[in-house]
């Protein structure tokens, strides 16, 4: 099974992308949603994964940047 994480900051762009994206994925795919605005301790984890801005989806180590809500640097 793939490791899938959706990183976001809770902004309207991120929430909209989350609703659209999760609606398109197979329900069998388990996505961990990480709200970096509420879980700032996980910002370093997102950076280590290669996330430069949110919203971003990380699938098996590959970062897919979706639209632009905020830079990771702005969340620190």
C-alpha atoms as a PDB file:
ATOM      1  CA  UNK A   1       0.000   0.000   0.000  1.00  0.00           C
ATOM      2  CA  UNK A   2       1.237   3.484  -0.866  1.00  0.00           C
ATOM      3  CA  UNK A   3       2.071   6.092   1.738  1.00  0.00           C
ATOM      4  CA  UNK A   4       0.005   9.180   0.943  1.00  0.00           C
ATOM      5  CA  UNK A   5       0.051  12.471   2.868  1.00  0.00           C
ATOM      6  CA  UNK A   6      -1.782  15.661   2.021  1.00  0.00           C
ATOM      7  CA  UNK A   7      -0.109  18.709   3.586  1.00  0.00           C
ATOM      8  CA  UNK A   8      -2.039  21.945   3.847  1.00  0.00           C
ATOM      9  CA  UNK A   9      -2.344  25.104   5.927  1.00  0.00           C
ATOM     10  CA  UNK A  10      -6.114  25.419   6.185  1.00  0.00           C
ATOM     11  CA  UNK A  11      -6.408  28.297   3.728  1.00  0.00           C
ATOM     12  CA  UNK A  12      -9.307  28.379   1.212  1.00  0.00           C
ATOM     13  CA  UNK A  13      -7.030  27.196  -1.623  1.00  0.00           C
ATOM     14  CA  UNK A  14      -5.884  24.221   0.470  1.00  0.00           C
ATOM     15  CA  UNK A  15      -9.365  23.264   1.633  1.00  0.00           C
ATOM     16  CA  UNK A  16     -10.769  23.453  -1.891  1.00  0.00           C
ATOM     17  CA  UNK A  17      -7.924  21.345  -3.275  1.00  0.00           C
ATOM     18  CA  UNK A  18      -8.433  18.798  -0.486  1.00  0.00           C
ATOM     19  CA  UNK A  19     -12.146  18.437  -1.205  1.00  0.00           C
ATOM     20  CA  UNK A  20     -11.551  18.054  -4.932  1.00  0.00           C
ATOM     21  CA  UNK A  21      -8.566  15.745  -4.652  1.00  0.00           C
ATOM     22  CA  UNK A  22      -9.971  13.388  -2.041  1.00  0.00           C
ATOM     23  CA  UNK A  23     -13.171  13.122  -4.063  1.00  0.00           C
ATOM     24  CA  UNK A  24     -11.170  11.893  -7.059  1.00  0.00           C
ATOM     25  CA  UNK A  25      -9.113   9.250  -5.286  1.00  0.00           C
ATOM     26  CA  UNK A  26     -10.151   5.643  -4.905  1.00  0.00           C
ATOM     27  CA  UNK A  27     -11.732   5.271  -1.446  1.00  0.00           C
ATOM     28  CA  UNK A  28      -9.306   2.407  -0.771  1.00  0.00           C
ATOM     29  CA  UNK A  29      -6.429   4.896  -0.801  1.00  0.00           C
ATOM     30  CA  UNK A  30      -5.799   6.049   2.743  1.00  0.00           C
ATOM     31  CA  UNK A  31      -4.662   9.642   2.832  1.00  0.00           C
ATOM     32  CA  UNK A  32      -3.241  11.198   5.980  1.00  0.00           C
ATOM     33  CA  UNK A  33      -4.289  14.848   6.035  1.00  0.00           C
ATOM     34  CA  UNK A  34      -1.737  17.024   7.814  1.00  0.00           C
ATOM     35  CA  UNK A  35      -2.886  20.553   8.702  1.00  0.00           C
ATOM     36  CA  UNK A  36       0.414  22.385   9.183  1.00  0.00           C
ATOM     37  CA  UNK A  37      -1.362  25.411  10.642  1.00  0.00           C
ATOM     38  CA  UNK A  38      -2.491  23.225  13.541  1.00  0.00           C
ATOM     39  CA  UNK A  39       0.446  20.786  13.529  1.00  0.00           C
ATOM     40  CA  UNK A  40       3.405  23.116  13.118  1.00  0.00           C
ATOM     41  CA  UNK A  41       5.659  20.468  14.666  1.00  0.00           C
ATOM     42  CA  UNK A  42       5.336  18.586  11.364  1.00  0.00           C
ATOM     43  CA  UNK A  43       6.666  21.405   9.148  1.00  0.00           C
ATOM     44  CA  UNK A  44      10.193  19.936   9.275  1.00  0.00           C
ATOM     45  CA  UNK A  45       8.764  16.561   8.197  1.00  0.00           C
ATOM     46  CA  UNK A  46       7.059  18.207   5.209  1.00  0.00           C
ATOM     47  CA  UNK A  47      10.278  20.025   4.266  1.00  0.00           C
ATOM     48  CA  UNK A  48      12.270  16.791   4.518  1.00  0.00           C
ATOM     49  CA  UNK A  49       9.741  15.172   2.171  1.00  0.00           C
ATOM     50  CA  UNK A  50      10.417  17.965  -0.358  1.00  0.00           C
ATOM     51  CA  UNK A  51       7.300  20.068   0.183  1.00  0.00           C
ATOM     52  CA  UNK A  52       8.020  23.688  -0.747  1.00  0.00           C
ATOM     53  CA  UNK A  53       4.473  25.019  -0.676  1.00  0.00           C
ATOM     54  CA  UNK A  54       1.011  23.882   0.299  1.00  0.00           C
ATOM     55  CA  UNK A  55      -1.248  22.324  -0.684  1.00  0.00           C
ATOM     56  CA  UNK A  56       0.927  19.358  -1.590  1.00  0.00           C
ATOM     57  CA  UNK A  57       0.358  15.641  -1.896  1.00  0.00           C
ATOM     58  CA  UNK A  58       3.232  13.276  -1.155  1.00  0.00           C
ATOM     59  CA  UNK A  59       2.838   9.798  -2.636  1.00  0.00           C
ATOM     60  CA  UNK A  60       5.556   7.238  -1.980  1.00  0.00           C
ATOM     61  CA  UNK A  61       8.119  10.020  -1.589  1.00  0.00           C
ATOM     62  CA  UNK A  62       7.076  11.939  -4.706  1.00  0.00           C
ATOM     63  CA  UNK A  63       5.840  15.483  -4.042  1.00  0.00           C
ATOM     64  CA  UNK A  64       2.949  16.792  -6.086  1.00  0.00           C
ATOM     65  CA  UNK A  65       2.513  20.529  -5.539  1.00  0.00           C
ATOM     66  CA  UNK A  66      -1.106  21.505  -6.160  1.00  0.00           C
ATOM     67  CA  UNK A  67      -1.906  25.152  -6.800  1.00  0.00           C
ATOM     68  CA  UNK A  68      -0.332  27.660  -4.386  1.00  0.00           C
ATOM     69  CA  UNK A  69      -1.734  28.517  -0.983  1.00  0.00           C
ATOM     70  CA  UNK A  70       1.382  29.314   1.035  1.00  0.00           C
ATOM     71  CA  UNK A  71       5.114  28.727   1.013  1.00  0.00           C
ATOM     72  CA  UNK A  72       6.465  26.430   3.727  1.00  0.00           C
ATOM     73  CA  UNK A  73       8.699  29.295   4.878  1.00  0.00           C
ATOM     74  CA  UNK A  74       5.569  31.373   5.581  1.00  0.00           C
ATOM     75  CA  UNK A  75       4.261  28.715   7.963  1.00  0.00           C
ATOM     76  CA  UNK A  76       7.276  28.856  10.293  1.00  0.00           C
END
